[in-house]
Amino acid sequence: MGIPGLMIRTLVHDNQQRKDRMGLFWDLIKQSQISDQRKIAGNLSTRVRRLEGELRRTQRTFHDLVVLLEKRFGEDIDADGKIG
């Protein structure tokens, strides 16, 4: 193989090494993005559970308030057919 053939092989080999390094670099970036998305998803599910708990407590408080108001004023405020 002459010098031109050797130069082409060297250029092809160098180009492949660059691609391999860039591939590794992009793999690391993608892995980091996947990890970040998992954290966001985990935080989101935790937040949803917390908000659902707050909603239940708010609904319970609202119900208790309606019962107290119905007893106080003797009216069926929530239209459930009963007072209190």
C-alpha atoms as a PDB file:
ATOM      1  CA  MET A   1       0.000   0.000   0.000  1.00  0.00           C
ATOM      2  CA  GLY A   2       1.379   3.370  -0.962  1.00  0.00           C
ATOM      3  CA  ILE A   3       1.386   6.605   0.998  1.00  0.00           C
ATOM      4  CA  PRO A   4      -1.983   7.802  -0.382  1.00  0.00           C
ATOM      5  CA  GLY A   5      -3.629   4.523   0.678  1.00  0.00           C
ATOM      6  CA  LEU A   6      -2.056   4.774   4.135  1.00  0.00           C
ATOM      7  CA  MET A   7      -3.211   8.393   4.475  1.00  0.00           C
ATOM      8  CA  ILE A   8      -6.773   7.434   3.536  1.00  0.00           C
ATOM      9  CA  ARG A   9      -6.750   4.563   6.057  1.00  0.00           C
ATOM     10  CA  THR A  10      -5.405   6.919   8.732  1.00  0.00           C
ATOM     11  CA  LEU A  11      -8.028   9.571   7.930  1.00  0.00           C
ATOM     12  CA  VAL A  12     -10.823   6.982   7.994  1.00  0.00           C
ATOM     13  CA  HIS A  13      -9.512   5.571  11.287  1.00  0.00           C
ATOM     14  CA  ASP A  14      -9.227   9.079  12.829  1.00  0.00           C
ATOM     15  CA  ASN A  15     -12.717   9.958  11.630  1.00  0.00           C
ATOM     16  CA  GLN A  16     -14.112   6.765  13.197  1.00  0.00           C
ATOM     17  CA  GLN A  17     -12.370   7.559  16.500  1.00  0.00           C
ATOM     18  CA  ARG A  18     -13.933  11.051  16.466  1.00  0.00           C
ATOM     19  CA  LYS A  19     -17.350   9.536  15.811  1.00  0.00           C
ATOM     20  CA  ASP A  20     -16.840   7.076  18.672  1.00  0.00           C
ATOM     21  CA  ARG A  21     -15.894   9.911  21.047  1.00  0.00           C
ATOM     22  CA  MET A  22     -18.862  12.015  19.930  1.00  0.00           C
ATOM     23  CA  GLY A  23     -21.121   8.976  20.265  1.00  0.00           C
ATOM     24  CA  LEU A  24     -19.923   8.493  23.816  1.00  0.00           C
ATOM     25  CA  PHE A  25     -20.404  12.200  24.511  1.00  0.00           C
ATOM     26  CA  TRP A  26     -23.975  12.147  23.167  1.00  0.00           C
ATOM     27  CA  ASP A  27     -24.724   8.930  25.079  1.00  0.00           C
ATOM     28  CA  LEU A  28     -23.652  10.674  28.292  1.00  0.00           C
ATOM     29  CA  ILE A  29     -25.855  13.687  27.510  1.00  0.00           C
ATOM     30  CA  LYS A  30     -28.859  11.463  26.755  1.00  0.00           C
ATOM     31  CA  GLN A  31     -28.289   9.440  29.927  1.00  0.00           C
ATOM     32  CA  SER A  32     -28.187  12.659  31.941  1.00  0.00           C
ATOM     33  CA  GLN A  33     -31.432  13.827  30.332  1.00  0.00           C
ATOM     34  CA  ILE A  34     -33.101  10.492  31.092  1.00  0.00           C
ATOM     35  CA  SER A  35     -31.941  10.728  34.696  1.00  0.00           C
ATOM     36  CA  ASP A  36     -33.291  14.283  34.971  1.00  0.00           C
ATOM     37  CA  GLN A  37     -36.662  13.179  33.562  1.00  0.00           C
ATOM     38  CA  ARG A  38     -36.849  10.332  36.087  1.00  0.00           C
ATOM     39  CA  LYS A  39     -36.258  12.813  38.912  1.00  0.00           C
ATOM     40  CA  ILE A  40     -38.961  15.113  37.560  1.00  0.00           C
ATOM     41  CA  ALA A  41     -41.388  12.210  37.223  1.00  0.00           C
ATOM     42  CA  GLY A  42     -40.605  11.057  40.769  1.00  0.00           C
ATOM     43  CA  ASN A  43     -41.049  14.565  42.118  1.00  0.00           C
ATOM     44  CA  LEU A  44     -44.281  14.925  40.157  1.00  0.00           C
ATOM     45  CA  SER A  45     -45.794  11.740  41.561  1.00  0.00           C
ATOM     46  CA  THR A  46     -44.823  12.827  45.082  1.00  0.00           C
ATOM     47  CA  ARG A  47     -46.399  16.221  44.471  1.00  0.00           C
ATOM     48  CA  VAL A  48     -49.605  14.640  43.114  1.00  0.00           C
ATOM     49  CA  ARG A  49     -49.896  12.436  46.227  1.00  0.00           C
ATOM     50  CA  ARG A  50     -49.394  15.480  48.465  1.00  0.00           C
ATOM     51  CA  LEU A  51     -51.977  17.514  46.539  1.00  0.00           C
ATOM     52  CA  GLU A  52     -54.475  14.646  46.653  1.00  0.00           C
ATOM     53  CA  GLY A  53     -54.056  14.508  50.445  1.00  0.00           C
ATOM     54  CA  GLU A  54     -54.581  18.260  50.692  1.00  0.00           C
ATOM     55  CA  LEU A  55     -57.702  17.953  48.547  1.00  0.00           C
ATOM     56  CA  ARG A  56     -59.157  15.249  50.818  1.00  0.00           C
ATOM     57  CA  ARG A  57     -58.494  17.388  53.903  1.00  0.00           C
ATOM     58  CA  THR A  58     -60.041  20.439  52.241  1.00  0.00           C
ATOM     59  CA  GLN A  59     -63.114  18.461  51.208  1.00  0.00           C
ATOM     60  CA  ARG A  60     -63.474  17.073  54.739  1.00  0.00           C
ATOM     61  CA  THR A  61     -63.146  20.578  56.208  1.00  0.00           C
ATOM     62  CA  PHE A  62     -65.699  21.931  53.746  1.00  0.00           C
ATOM     63  CA  HIS A  63     -68.143  19.130  54.608  1.00  0.00           C
ATOM     64  CA  ASP A  64     -67.702  19.736  58.340  1.00  0.00           C
ATOM     65  CA  LEU A  65     -68.296  23.459  57.796  1.00  0.00           C
ATOM     66  CA  VAL A  66     -71.511  22.801  55.859  1.00  0.00           C
ATOM     67  CA  VAL A  67     -72.772  20.509  58.621  1.00  0.00           C
ATOM     68  CA  LEU A  68     -72.044  23.164  61.253  1.00  0.00           C
ATOM     69  CA  LEU A  69     -73.731  25.893  59.213  1.00  0.00           C
ATOM     70  CA  GLU A  70     -76.787  23.721  58.621  1.00  0.00           C
ATOM     71  CA  LYS A  71     -77.073  23.045  62.349  1.00  0.00           C
ATOM     72  CA  ARG A  72     -76.548  26.699  63.189  1.00  0.00           C
ATOM     73  CA  PHE A  73     -79.079  28.092  60.717  1.00  0.00           C
ATOM     74  CA  GLY A  74     -81.422  25.102  60.467  1.00  0.00           C
ATOM     75  CA  GLU A  75     -81.285  25.005  56.674  1.00  0.00           C
ATOM     76  CA  ASP A  76     -80.312  22.344  54.140  1.00  0.00           C
ATOM     77  CA  ILE A  77     -77.389  24.153  52.516  1.00  0.00           C
ATOM     78  CA  ASP A  78     -75.966  21.277  50.467  1.00  0.00           C
ATOM     79  CA  ALA A  79     -79.356  20.001  49.218  1.00  0.00           C
ATOM     80  CA  ASP A  80     -78.820  16.480  50.557  1.00  0.00           C
ATOM     81  CA  GLY A  81     -82.302  16.380  52.074  1.00  0.00           C
ATOM     82  CA  LYS A  82     -81.213  16.704  55.681  1.00  0.00           C
ATOM     83  CA  ILE A  83     -80.025  19.366  58.076  1.00  0.00           C
ATOM     84  CA  GLY A  84     -76.731  18.723  59.811  1.00  0.00           C
END
